[in-house]
């Protein structure tokens, strides 16, 4: 460790570490564009200038190593003049289109002008115009006029994804970020360049012109779209519901977490939030023999009674329970307490559906496209459990071995297709519980709406065994409840449930 002086205060940092990082750890934010801890320090934006005792001119703090006895000032008049001058160069050709720019409200140019600029422009020449509204890829729009040439995006595709879709072309004031000839920005992590861009040069197509960022609320959460469990922020739009096409979730952003995902998330996770508001269940329903909306208490009484009647008449081994790796640790605990401990069920199906398995790579993505299979595995279900496959369950339904099916956040139609209705019709009781209807929701006797991760608080265990908490970002839609609460309510009704109440089925 080395001691050095920062703005008149002696601080300590690792010898050789960067002054810009050491200052941030001490609560001193030095303005910068090009520097990023995961992408290196090219020192080309010249915004992070600081005054160094003994140096003839201000120096870039992203290139300045800490050493014993170093004396640095980031708030002197000389530094402020240097930073304002650098900022003016960045703004020379920048278009004044803040009112229509999606980056407004979280833009580095806006923020730094208010903190370090506030000068009267000395430029009288016309601004240089470049290409706008370029579709760089399926998720990213490029506006060359807004770019400050920080090179974060090009360094990301060169050094992180190693896909090389972007480059800097031209010389001098004609330099511009552009796509490499014949390439499209469509790698599995393309959305990260949107986060990296400190201005409005790279923006998200799905978010474009939908809602202003100052109307959004941010909630810490965990991405549920693969077993990695990346740390994310859920940005919700509830203050202006008529914006963003009425959708409550406006976007997802990565949160820095060195132990899991570093600074990044994949595009599957970033753009995989649509089902939070689409195809949702919000009402508690009895669908057979007559369709009727029920209050929670009545529905739980009827389901508990139907399960008790089936077990009393045909045995618990004829109840098949199909569970999802999307369940939280709290859900899994209630699941085991109800189905195995209370009902003594032994037929469980955890086999993924085809769309719950996918591409895997060395950066972040995992093959299992569900968040919490590890949490279920940690509980264990004993040696008496019959582990079903989808083909095995279909066979058991045809042969009459299974009289009841309880599905939790699983869509059998994705596996069985057109055969789903016929197979489930062979069961005396089908209960469907989950946030989304899918192709199976209309085929059950009872449909119980559950909350997705964004509407509850809980924990996921990722593939490494790391337990992570996620927070509630939205109020439940309609009558939806967390899965653990539904299962616990059913468990408490077990002793009181009267089998005769299920005769209507």
Protein backbone atom coordinates (compact mmCIF):
# COMPACT_ATOMS: atom_id res chain seq x y z
CA UNK A 1 0.00 0.00 0.00
CA UNK A 2 1.08 3.56 -0.68
CA UNK A 3 0.06 6.84 0.94
CA UNK A 4 -0.63 9.81 -1.31
CA UNK A 5 -2.35 13.16 -0.97
CA UNK A 6 -5.69 13.73 -2.73
CA UNK A 7 -7.19 17.21 -2.52
CA UNK A 8 -5.22 17.97 0.62
CA UNK A 9 -6.11 14.70 2.37
CA UNK A 10 -3.71 11.79 2.88
CA UNK A 11 -5.24 8.54 1.61
CA UNK A 12 -4.01 5.00 1.09
CA UNK A 13 -4.25 2.80 -2.02
CA UNK A 14 -2.44 -0.11 -3.61
CA UNK A 15 0.88 0.87 -5.14
CA UNK A 16 0.48 1.00 -8.93
CA UNK A 17 -3.31 1.21 -8.90
CA UNK A 18 -4.88 4.05 -10.86
CA UNK A 19 -5.54 7.42 -9.26
CA UNK A 20 -9.03 7.56 -10.82
CA UNK A 21 -9.98 4.29 -9.04
CA UNK A 22 -8.36 5.29 -5.76
CA UNK A 23 -10.25 8.61 -5.84
CA UNK A 24 -13.57 6.89 -6.46
CA UNK A 25 -13.01 4.61 -3.46
CA UNK A 26 -12.52 7.77 -1.39
CA UNK A 27 -15.77 9.26 -2.67
CA UNK A 28 -14.12 11.62 -5.15
CA UNK A 29 -15.63 11.25 -8.62
CA UNK A 30 -13.30 12.35 -11.40
CA UNK A 31 -15.12 12.94 -14.71
CA UNK A 32 -14.26 10.53 -17.52
CA UNK A 33 -15.61 9.02 -20.73
CA UNK A 34 -13.14 6.53 -22.18
CA UNK A 35 -12.01 4.81 -18.98
CA UNK A 36 -13.83 1.69 -17.82
CA UNK A 37 -12.45 -0.74 -15.21
CA UNK A 38 -13.12 -3.76 -17.44
CA UNK A 39 -12.00 -2.19 -20.72
CA UNK A 40 -8.75 -0.45 -19.92
CA UNK A 41 -7.56 3.15 -20.01
CA UNK A 42 -6.72 4.56 -23.44
CA UNK A 43 -6.66 8.12 -22.06
CA UNK A 44 -8.17 9.63 -25.20
CA UNK A 45 -11.08 11.67 -23.81
CA UNK A 46 -8.89 13.90 -21.59
CA UNK A 47 -11.74 14.52 -19.16
CA UNK A 48 -10.09 12.91 -16.13
CA UNK A 49 -7.30 15.47 -15.90
CA UNK A 50 -5.84 16.19 -12.47
CA UNK A 51 -3.09 18.49 -11.21
CA UNK A 52 0.02 16.64 -10.01
CA UNK A 53 2.63 18.34 -7.87
CA UNK A 54 5.83 18.69 -9.88
CA UNK A 55 4.22 18.00 -13.25
CA UNK A 56 4.28 20.80 -15.84
CA UNK A 57 0.64 20.29 -16.92
CA UNK A 58 -2.50 18.39 -15.88
CA UNK A 59 -2.30 14.61 -16.26
CA UNK A 60 -4.90 11.96 -17.09
CA UNK A 61 -5.81 10.20 -13.82
CA UNK A 62 -6.80 7.03 -15.69
CA UNK A 63 -3.14 6.66 -16.75
CA UNK A 64 -1.58 7.86 -13.50
CA UNK A 65 -0.41 5.14 -11.07
CA UNK A 66 -0.51 5.62 -7.33
CA UNK A 67 2.87 5.88 -5.66
CA UNK A 68 4.18 6.90 -2.27
CA UNK A 69 4.16 10.64 -1.69
CA UNK A 70 2.17 11.54 -4.81
CA UNK A 71 0.26 14.83 -4.43
CA UNK A 72 -2.87 15.15 -6.58
CA UNK A 73 -5.58 17.76 -6.90
CA UNK A 74 -8.82 17.06 -8.77
CA UNK A 75 -10.64 20.24 -7.70
CA UNK A 76 -8.16 23.05 -8.35
CA UNK A 77 -8.93 25.98 -10.65
CA UNK A 78 -6.39 24.71 -13.19
CA UNK A 79 -8.10 21.31 -13.28
CA UNK A 80 -11.54 22.83 -13.67
CA UNK A 81 -10.33 24.96 -16.60
CA UNK A 82 -8.71 21.93 -18.25
CA UNK A 83 -11.82 19.78 -17.83
CA UNK A 84 -14.08 22.53 -19.17
CA UNK A 85 -11.82 22.91 -22.21
CA UNK A 86 -11.87 19.17 -22.88
CA UNK A 87 -15.64 19.13 -22.52
CA UNK A 88 -15.98 21.98 -25.03
CA UNK A 89 -14.07 19.96 -27.62
CA UNK A 90 -16.46 17.04 -27.08
CA UNK A 91 -19.40 19.37 -27.64
CA UNK A 92 -18.04 21.16 -30.71
CA UNK A 93 -19.95 18.97 -33.16
CA UNK A 94 -22.42 17.37 -30.78
CA UNK A 95 -26.05 17.96 -31.88
CA UNK A 96 -28.32 19.84 -29.49
CA UNK A 97 -31.06 17.20 -29.61
CA UNK A 98 -31.38 16.46 -25.90
CA UNK A 99 -35.19 16.84 -25.99
CA UNK A 100 -35.52 13.83 -28.32
CA UNK A 101 -32.55 11.79 -27.11
CA UNK A 102 -33.23 8.66 -25.03
CA UNK A 103 -30.01 9.27 -23.10
CA UNK A 104 -31.33 12.55 -21.69
CA UNK A 105 -31.43 12.31 -17.92
CA UNK A 106 -28.51 9.90 -17.70
CA UNK A 107 -26.11 11.44 -20.21
CA UNK A 108 -22.45 12.04 -19.40
CA UNK A 109 -22.34 15.17 -21.53
CA UNK A 110 -25.33 16.71 -19.77
CA UNK A 111 -24.09 15.80 -16.31
CA UNK A 112 -20.54 17.00 -16.87
CA UNK A 113 -21.64 20.24 -18.50
CA UNK A 114 -23.70 21.08 -15.41
CA UNK A 115 -20.84 20.12 -13.07
CA UNK A 116 -17.70 21.10 -14.96
CA UNK A 117 -18.77 23.16 -17.99
CA UNK A 118 -21.25 26.04 -17.82
CA UNK A 119 -19.14 28.02 -20.25
CA UNK A 120 -20.21 30.30 -23.06
CA UNK A 121 -19.38 28.55 -26.32
CA UNK A 122 -16.59 30.07 -28.41
CA UNK A 123 -17.47 28.04 -31.50
CA UNK A 124 -19.11 29.95 -34.33
CA UNK A 125 -18.69 27.46 -37.17
CA UNK A 126 -21.45 25.08 -38.29
CA UNK A 127 -21.41 21.67 -36.67
CA UNK A 128 -20.12 18.71 -38.65
CA UNK A 129 -22.94 16.34 -39.61
CA UNK A 130 -22.64 12.55 -39.68
CA UNK A 131 -25.00 9.62 -40.19
CA UNK A 132 -27.97 9.19 -37.84
CA UNK A 133 -30.53 6.43 -37.13
CA UNK A 134 -28.30 3.55 -38.20
CA UNK A 135 -29.65 0.09 -37.31
CA UNK A 136 -26.44 -1.43 -35.99
CA UNK A 137 -28.14 -4.69 -35.01
CA UNK A 138 -31.41 -6.19 -33.84
CA UNK A 139 -31.23 -4.35 -30.50
CA UNK A 140 -28.98 -1.32 -31.06
CA UNK A 141 -29.38 1.99 -32.90
CA UNK A 142 -26.31 4.10 -33.79
CA UNK A 143 -26.17 7.88 -34.09
CA UNK A 144 -22.69 8.93 -35.24
CA UNK A 145 -23.26 12.64 -34.55
CA UNK A 146 -23.67 12.06 -30.83
CA UNK A 147 -20.54 9.92 -30.46
CA UNK A 148 -17.60 11.33 -28.44
CA UNK A 149 -15.22 8.61 -29.69
CA UNK A 150 -14.54 7.20 -26.25
CA UNK A 151 -14.02 3.77 -27.97
CA UNK A 152 -15.72 1.85 -25.17
CA UNK A 153 -17.97 0.02 -27.64
CA UNK A 154 -15.16 -0.98 -29.99
CA UNK A 155 -13.02 -2.19 -27.10
CA UNK A 156 -15.95 -4.25 -25.83
CA UNK A 157 -16.48 -6.11 -29.13
CA UNK A 158 -12.72 -6.48 -29.61
CA UNK A 159 -11.69 -7.57 -26.11
CA UNK A 160 -14.78 -9.04 -24.42
CA UNK A 161 -16.96 -10.68 -27.07
CA UNK A 162 -14.09 -10.80 -29.61
CA UNK A 163 -16.62 -10.44 -32.41
CA UNK A 164 -15.20 -7.19 -33.88
CA UNK A 165 -18.40 -5.76 -35.39
CA UNK A 166 -17.56 -2.09 -34.66
CA UNK A 167 -14.59 0.08 -35.56
CA UNK A 168 -13.42 3.68 -35.87
CA UNK A 169 -13.19 4.83 -39.46
CA UNK A 170 -11.88 8.08 -40.99
CA UNK A 171 -9.27 10.53 -39.73
CA UNK A 172 -9.28 13.69 -37.68
CA UNK A 173 -12.66 15.38 -37.34
CA UNK A 174 -14.11 12.88 -39.85
CA UNK A 175 -13.59 9.94 -37.50
CA UNK A 176 -16.76 7.98 -36.72
CA UNK A 177 -17.87 4.74 -35.10
CA UNK A 178 -19.38 2.43 -37.71
CA UNK A 179 -20.09 -1.20 -38.49
CA UNK A 180 -17.31 -3.22 -40.06
CA UNK A 181 -18.24 -3.90 -43.71
CA UNK A 182 -20.53 -6.88 -44.04
CA UNK A 183 -21.12 -7.25 -40.29
CA UNK A 184 -24.08 -6.65 -37.97
CA UNK A 185 -23.95 -6.05 -34.23
CA UNK A 186 -25.81 -9.22 -33.32
CA UNK A 187 -23.55 -11.05 -30.86
CA UNK A 188 -25.07 -12.54 -27.70
CA UNK A 189 -23.94 -9.55 -25.59
CA UNK A 190 -24.60 -6.67 -28.00
CA UNK A 191 -26.83 -4.77 -25.55
CA UNK A 192 -23.87 -4.02 -23.29
CA UNK A 193 -22.60 -1.36 -25.69
CA UNK A 194 -25.76 0.61 -24.85
CA UNK A 195 -24.76 0.67 -21.17
CA UNK A 196 -21.16 1.47 -22.00
CA UNK A 197 -21.97 4.45 -24.21
CA UNK A 198 -21.75 7.57 -21.99
CA UNK A 199 -23.85 9.62 -24.42
CA UNK A 200 -26.76 8.92 -26.79
CA UNK A 201 -24.77 7.43 -29.67
CA UNK A 202 -25.84 3.84 -28.98
CA UNK A 203 -29.42 3.39 -27.83
CA UNK A 204 -31.78 0.47 -27.29
CA UNK A 205 -34.31 -0.11 -30.06
CA UNK A 206 -36.95 -1.57 -27.73
CA UNK A 207 -36.66 1.38 -25.33
CA UNK A 208 -36.41 4.07 -28.01
CA UNK A 209 -38.90 6.93 -27.50
CA UNK A 210 -40.94 4.89 -24.99
CA UNK A 211 -40.51 6.58 -21.60
CA UNK A 212 -38.22 9.18 -20.04
CA UNK A 213 -35.66 7.76 -17.61
CA UNK A 214 -36.63 10.14 -14.80
CA UNK A 215 -40.04 8.46 -14.61
CA UNK A 216 -38.46 5.06 -13.97
CA UNK A 217 -37.94 3.31 -10.63
CA UNK A 218 -34.97 0.98 -10.15
CA UNK A 219 -35.03 -2.22 -8.08
CA UNK A 220 -32.15 -4.60 -7.39
CA UNK A 221 -32.90 -8.07 -8.69
CA UNK A 222 -31.43 -11.27 -10.14
CA UNK A 223 -31.83 -12.32 -13.77
CA UNK A 224 -33.97 -15.49 -13.91
CA UNK A 225 -33.18 -16.40 -17.51
CA UNK A 226 -30.33 -18.85 -16.90
CA UNK A 227 -28.53 -20.60 -14.06
CA UNK A 228 -25.85 -17.88 -13.87
CA UNK A 229 -28.12 -15.52 -11.94
CA UNK A 230 -26.64 -12.20 -13.09
CA UNK A 231 -27.19 -9.17 -10.87
CA UNK A 232 -29.58 -6.75 -12.57
CA UNK A 233 -31.67 -3.64 -11.98
CA UNK A 234 -35.33 -3.79 -13.00
CA UNK A 235 -36.43 -0.39 -14.36
CA UNK A 236 -40.19 -0.07 -13.98
CA UNK A 237 -42.63 2.44 -15.39
CA UNK A 238 -45.58 2.98 -13.07
CA UNK A 239 -45.63 6.79 -12.85
CA UNK A 240 -46.61 7.20 -16.51
CA UNK A 241 -48.56 4.02 -17.43
CA UNK A 242 -49.59 5.47 -20.80
CA UNK A 243 -45.91 5.52 -21.79
CA UNK A 244 -43.94 2.43 -22.89
CA UNK A 245 -47.03 0.90 -24.56
CA UNK A 246 -48.54 0.36 -21.13
CA UNK A 247 -45.85 -2.14 -20.08
CA UNK A 248 -44.73 -1.88 -16.49
CA UNK A 249 -41.15 -3.06 -17.09
CA UNK A 250 -39.28 -0.65 -19.34
CA UNK A 251 -35.86 -2.31 -19.39
CA UNK A 252 -33.31 -4.38 -17.48
CA UNK A 253 -29.78 -3.21 -16.76
CA UNK A 254 -26.77 -5.12 -15.35
CA UNK A 255 -25.49 -4.41 -11.86
CA UNK A 256 -21.80 -4.80 -11.13
CA UNK A 257 -21.10 -8.05 -9.32
CA UNK A 258 -17.52 -9.37 -9.60
CA UNK A 259 -18.52 -12.76 -8.15
CA UNK A 260 -21.15 -13.51 -10.81
CA UNK A 261 -21.39 -11.36 -13.93
CA UNK A 262 -18.87 -8.55 -13.58
CA UNK A 263 -20.34 -5.61 -15.50
CA UNK A 264 -22.28 -7.47 -18.20
CA UNK A 265 -25.46 -9.41 -18.97
CA UNK A 266 -26.35 -11.33 -22.12
CA UNK A 267 -29.05 -10.22 -24.54
CA UNK A 268 -31.26 -13.20 -23.60
CA UNK A 269 -31.45 -11.89 -20.06
CA UNK A 270 -31.58 -8.20 -20.96
CA UNK A 271 -34.54 -8.56 -23.32
CA UNK A 272 -36.22 -11.55 -21.67
CA UNK A 273 -38.66 -9.57 -19.55
CA UNK A 274 -41.67 -9.48 -21.89
CA UNK A 275 -43.53 -12.35 -20.14
CA UNK A 276 -43.74 -10.29 -16.95
CA UNK A 277 -46.66 -8.43 -18.51
CA UNK A 278 -47.65 -10.63 -21.48
CA UNK A 279 -49.98 -13.64 -21.33
CA UNK A 280 -50.45 -13.07 -17.61
CA UNK A 281 -52.88 -14.71 -15.23
CA UNK A 282 -54.59 -12.43 -12.73
CA UNK A 283 -57.81 -14.20 -11.73
CA UNK A 284 -58.38 -17.32 -9.65
CA UNK A 285 -60.45 -19.65 -11.81
CA UNK A 286 -62.30 -22.93 -11.70
CA UNK A 287 -62.46 -23.97 -15.37
CA UNK A 288 -64.16 -27.39 -15.10
CA UNK A 289 -66.86 -28.61 -14.90
CA UNK A 290 -68.23 -25.04 -15.07
CA UNK A 291 -66.09 -21.95 -15.63
CA UNK A 292 -66.23 -19.56 -12.67
CA UNK A 293 -63.99 -16.99 -11.03
CA UNK A 294 -63.47 -17.77 -7.35
CA UNK A 295 -62.10 -15.91 -4.35
CA UNK A 296 -58.79 -17.31 -3.15
CA UNK A 297 -60.25 -18.88 -0.03
CA UNK A 298 -62.91 -20.82 -1.93
CA UNK A 299 -60.48 -21.99 -4.60
CA UNK A 300 -57.93 -23.17 -2.05
CA UNK A 301 -60.63 -25.04 -0.13
CA UNK A 302 -61.78 -26.80 -3.28
CA UNK A 303 -58.28 -27.71 -4.49
CA UNK A 304 -57.30 -29.03 -1.05
CA UNK A 305 -60.47 -31.10 -0.89
CA UNK A 306 -60.00 -32.47 -4.40
CA UNK A 307 -56.42 -33.49 -3.64
CA UNK A 308 -57.47 -35.15 -0.40
CA UNK A 309 -60.27 -37.03 -2.15
CA UNK A 310 -57.96 -38.28 -4.88
CA UNK A 311 -55.29 -39.41 -2.43
CA UNK A 312 -57.85 -41.12 -0.18
CA UNK A 313 -59.39 -43.01 -3.09
CA UNK A 314 -56.42 -43.73 -5.38
CA UNK A 315 -53.28 -43.06 -3.36
CA UNK A 316 -50.62 -40.37 -3.29
CA UNK A 317 -48.43 -42.23 -5.79
CA UNK A 318 -50.97 -41.37 -8.50
CA UNK A 319 -50.39 -37.63 -8.12
CA UNK A 320 -47.77 -36.23 -10.50
CA UNK A 321 -46.24 -32.87 -9.60
CA UNK A 322 -44.52 -30.91 -12.37
CA UNK A 323 -42.27 -28.16 -10.98
CA UNK A 324 -40.17 -25.40 -12.50
CA UNK A 325 -36.60 -24.28 -12.00
CA UNK A 326 -38.03 -20.75 -11.82
CA UNK A 327 -39.19 -21.35 -8.25
CA UNK A 328 -37.36 -19.39 -5.56
CA UNK A 329 -35.72 -21.00 -2.53
CA UNK A 330 -38.78 -19.98 -0.51
CA UNK A 331 -41.04 -21.64 -3.08
CA UNK A 332 -38.99 -24.84 -3.05
CA UNK A 333 -39.18 -25.02 0.75
CA UNK A 334 -42.97 -24.72 0.72
CA UNK A 335 -43.11 -27.14 -2.23
CA UNK A 336 -41.32 -29.88 -0.32
CA UNK A 337 -43.27 -29.26 2.89
CA UNK A 338 -46.59 -29.60 1.07
CA UNK A 339 -46.13 -32.20 -1.65
CA UNK A 340 -43.63 -34.58 -0.09
CA UNK A 341 -44.06 -34.14 3.66
CA UNK A 342 -47.82 -33.51 3.82
CA UNK A 343 -49.29 -35.18 0.74
CA UNK A 344 -46.63 -37.92 0.55
CA UNK A 345 -46.45 -37.48 -3.22
CA UNK A 346 -43.62 -39.34 -4.92
CA UNK A 347 -43.93 -38.60 -8.65
CA UNK A 348 -42.07 -35.41 -9.55
CA UNK A 349 -41.14 -34.03 -12.94
CA UNK A 350 -38.31 -31.49 -13.10
CA UNK A 351 -37.16 -32.29 -16.67
CA UNK A 352 -36.76 -29.01 -18.61
CA UNK A 353 -38.93 -28.07 -21.54
CA UNK A 354 -37.07 -27.65 -24.88
CA UNK A 355 -36.93 -23.85 -24.56
CA UNK A 356 -35.42 -24.15 -21.08
CA UNK A 357 -32.18 -25.44 -22.57
CA UNK A 358 -30.08 -23.35 -24.91
CA UNK A 359 -26.72 -21.91 -25.87
CA UNK A 360 -23.86 -21.78 -23.40
CA UNK A 361 -20.55 -19.91 -23.65
CA UNK A 362 -17.47 -19.17 -21.60
CA UNK A 363 -18.49 -15.61 -20.75
CA UNK A 364 -21.83 -15.79 -18.90
CA UNK A 365 -24.55 -17.84 -20.55
CA UNK A 366 -25.49 -21.22 -19.05
CA UNK A 367 -27.29 -24.04 -20.85
CA UNK A 368 -30.06 -24.23 -18.23
CA UNK A 369 -32.42 -21.32 -19.01
CA UNK A 370 -34.02 -21.29 -15.55
CA UNK A 371 -32.76 -19.59 -12.42
CA UNK A 372 -33.00 -22.04 -9.57
CA UNK A 373 -32.70 -25.75 -10.28
CA UNK A 374 -29.79 -25.69 -7.83
CA UNK A 375 -32.08 -24.40 -5.08
CA UNK A 376 -34.43 -27.36 -5.59
CA UNK A 377 -31.54 -29.82 -5.70
CA UNK A 378 -30.22 -28.46 -2.40
CA UNK A 379 -33.40 -29.55 -0.63
CA UNK A 380 -33.28 -33.14 -1.89
CA UNK A 381 -36.40 -35.23 -2.20
CA UNK A 382 -35.36 -38.58 -0.77
CA UNK A 383 -34.91 -42.05 -2.27
CA UNK A 384 -38.66 -42.74 -2.57
CA UNK A 385 -39.08 -40.14 -5.31
CA UNK A 386 -39.98 -41.33 -8.83
CA UNK A 387 -38.28 -38.88 -11.19
CA UNK A 388 -40.51 -38.55 -14.22
CA UNK A 389 -39.78 -37.54 -17.78
CA UNK A 390 -42.34 -35.94 -20.09
CA UNK A 391 -42.66 -39.19 -22.04
CA UNK A 392 -43.01 -41.11 -18.79
CA UNK A 393 -45.77 -38.82 -17.54
CA UNK A 394 -47.62 -39.16 -20.85
CA UNK A 395 -47.38 -42.94 -20.58
CA UNK A 396 -48.60 -42.91 -16.97
CA UNK A 397 -51.59 -40.76 -17.92
CA UNK A 398 -52.54 -43.11 -20.75
CA UNK A 399 -52.25 -46.19 -18.53
CA UNK A 400 -54.21 -44.64 -15.65
CA UNK A 401 -51.32 -44.73 -13.17
CA UNK A 402 -51.69 -40.96 -12.69
CA UNK A 403 -55.06 -39.59 -11.58
CA UNK A 404 -53.92 -36.04 -10.83
CA UNK A 405 -51.43 -33.53 -12.27
CA UNK A 406 -50.29 -30.38 -10.46
CA UNK A 407 -48.25 -28.08 -12.72
CA UNK A 408 -46.29 -25.16 -11.27
CA UNK A 409 -45.07 -22.66 -13.86
CA UNK A 410 -44.72 -25.42 -16.48
CA UNK A 411 -46.31 -25.46 -19.92
CA UNK A 412 -46.92 -29.04 -21.00
CA UNK A 413 -48.08 -27.82 -24.42
CA UNK A 414 -44.49 -26.86 -25.27
CA UNK A 415 -43.57 -30.54 -25.02
CA UNK A 416 -46.72 -32.45 -25.98
CA UNK A 417 -48.13 -29.96 -28.49
CA UNK A 418 -51.54 -30.96 -29.85
CA UNK A 419 -51.60 -34.07 -27.64
CA UNK A 420 -51.70 -31.97 -24.45
CA UNK A 421 -55.50 -31.64 -24.18
CA UNK A 422 -56.05 -35.36 -24.74
CA UNK A 423 -53.42 -36.42 -22.23
CA UNK A 424 -54.58 -34.07 -19.48
CA UNK A 425 -58.22 -35.04 -20.03
CA UNK A 426 -57.34 -38.51 -18.71
CA UNK A 427 -56.59 -37.03 -15.26
CA UNK A 428 -59.36 -36.60 -12.68
CA UNK A 429 -57.73 -33.39 -11.44
CA UNK A 430 -55.42 -30.91 -13.14
CA UNK A 431 -54.23 -27.82 -11.26
CA UNK A 432 -52.26 -25.17 -13.13
CA UNK A 433 -50.33 -22.63 -11.06
CA UNK A 434 -48.12 -19.91 -12.50
CA UNK A 435 -47.77 -16.35 -13.76
CA UNK A 436 -48.39 -17.04 -17.48
CA UNK A 437 -51.22 -18.97 -19.13
CA UNK A 438 -49.26 -20.52 -21.99
CA UNK A 439 -50.83 -23.40 -23.88
CA UNK A 440 -51.79 -25.37 -20.76
CA UNK A 441 -53.59 -22.75 -18.68
CA UNK A 442 -57.00 -23.34 -20.28
CA UNK A 443 -56.82 -27.15 -19.91
CA UNK A 444 -56.86 -27.37 -16.11
CA UNK A 445 -59.68 -27.82 -13.62
CA UNK A 446 -58.26 -25.01 -11.47
CA UNK A 447 -56.00 -22.12 -12.48
CA UNK A 448 -54.13 -20.32 -9.71
CA UNK A 449 -52.27 -17.08 -10.64
CA UNK A 450 -48.74 -16.80 -9.22
CA UNK A 451 -46.30 -13.91 -9.19
CA UNK A 452 -43.13 -13.77 -11.33
CA UNK A 453 -39.83 -12.77 -9.74
CA UNK A 454 -40.45 -9.04 -10.36
CA UNK A 455 -43.56 -9.09 -8.15
CA UNK A 456 -42.06 -10.79 -5.10
CA UNK A 457 -39.05 -10.91 -2.82
CA UNK A 458 -37.00 -14.08 -2.65
CA UNK A 459 -33.72 -15.88 -3.25
CA UNK A 460 -32.19 -17.86 -6.13
CA UNK A 461 -29.23 -20.24 -5.88
CA UNK A 462 -27.09 -20.10 -9.01
CA UNK A 463 -25.16 -22.98 -10.59
CA UNK A 464 -22.14 -22.17 -8.41
CA UNK A 465 -24.22 -22.55 -5.23
CA UNK A 466 -24.26 -18.80 -4.54
CA UNK A 467 -27.51 -17.66 -2.88
CA UNK A 468 -28.66 -14.23 -4.07
CA UNK A 469 -31.60 -12.09 -3.00
CA UNK A 470 -33.94 -10.31 -5.38
CA UNK A 471 -36.38 -7.57 -4.45
CA UNK A 472 -39.99 -6.81 -5.32
CA UNK A 473 -40.16 -4.31 -8.18
CA UNK A 474 -43.90 -4.33 -8.95
CA UNK A 475 -47.18 -4.94 -7.22
CA UNK A 476 -48.75 -8.31 -8.12
CA UNK A 477 -51.00 -8.28 -11.15
CA UNK A 478 -54.63 -8.96 -10.26
CA UNK A 479 -54.96 -11.65 -7.58
CA UNK A 480 -51.54 -13.22 -8.16
CA UNK A 481 -49.70 -14.54 -5.09
CA UNK A 482 -46.18 -15.93 -4.56
CA UNK A 483 -45.98 -19.69 -5.14
CA UNK A 484 -44.79 -20.32 -1.58
CA UNK A 485 -47.85 -18.58 -0.17
CA UNK A 486 -50.24 -20.63 -2.31
CA UNK A 487 -48.57 -23.89 -1.28
CA UNK A 488 -48.42 -22.94 2.38
CA UNK A 489 -52.12 -22.02 2.35
CA UNK A 490 -52.93 -25.40 0.81
CA UNK A 491 -50.79 -27.20 3.39
CA UNK A 492 -52.61 -25.52 6.25
CA UNK A 493 -55.93 -26.70 4.78
CA UNK A 494 -54.89 -30.35 4.58
CA UNK A 495 -56.17 -31.45 7.95
CA UNK A 496 -59.46 -29.56 7.59
CA UNK A 497 -60.16 -30.46 3.94
CA UNK A 498 -63.26 -32.61 3.47
CA UNK A 499 -62.97 -35.08 0.59
CA UNK A 500 -66.72 -34.92 -0.15
CA UNK A 501 -66.29 -31.28 -1.27
CA UNK A 502 -64.48 -32.52 -4.36
CA UNK A 503 -67.42 -34.58 -5.67
CA UNK A 504 -68.23 -31.91 -8.30
CA UNK A 505 -65.14 -32.94 -10.26
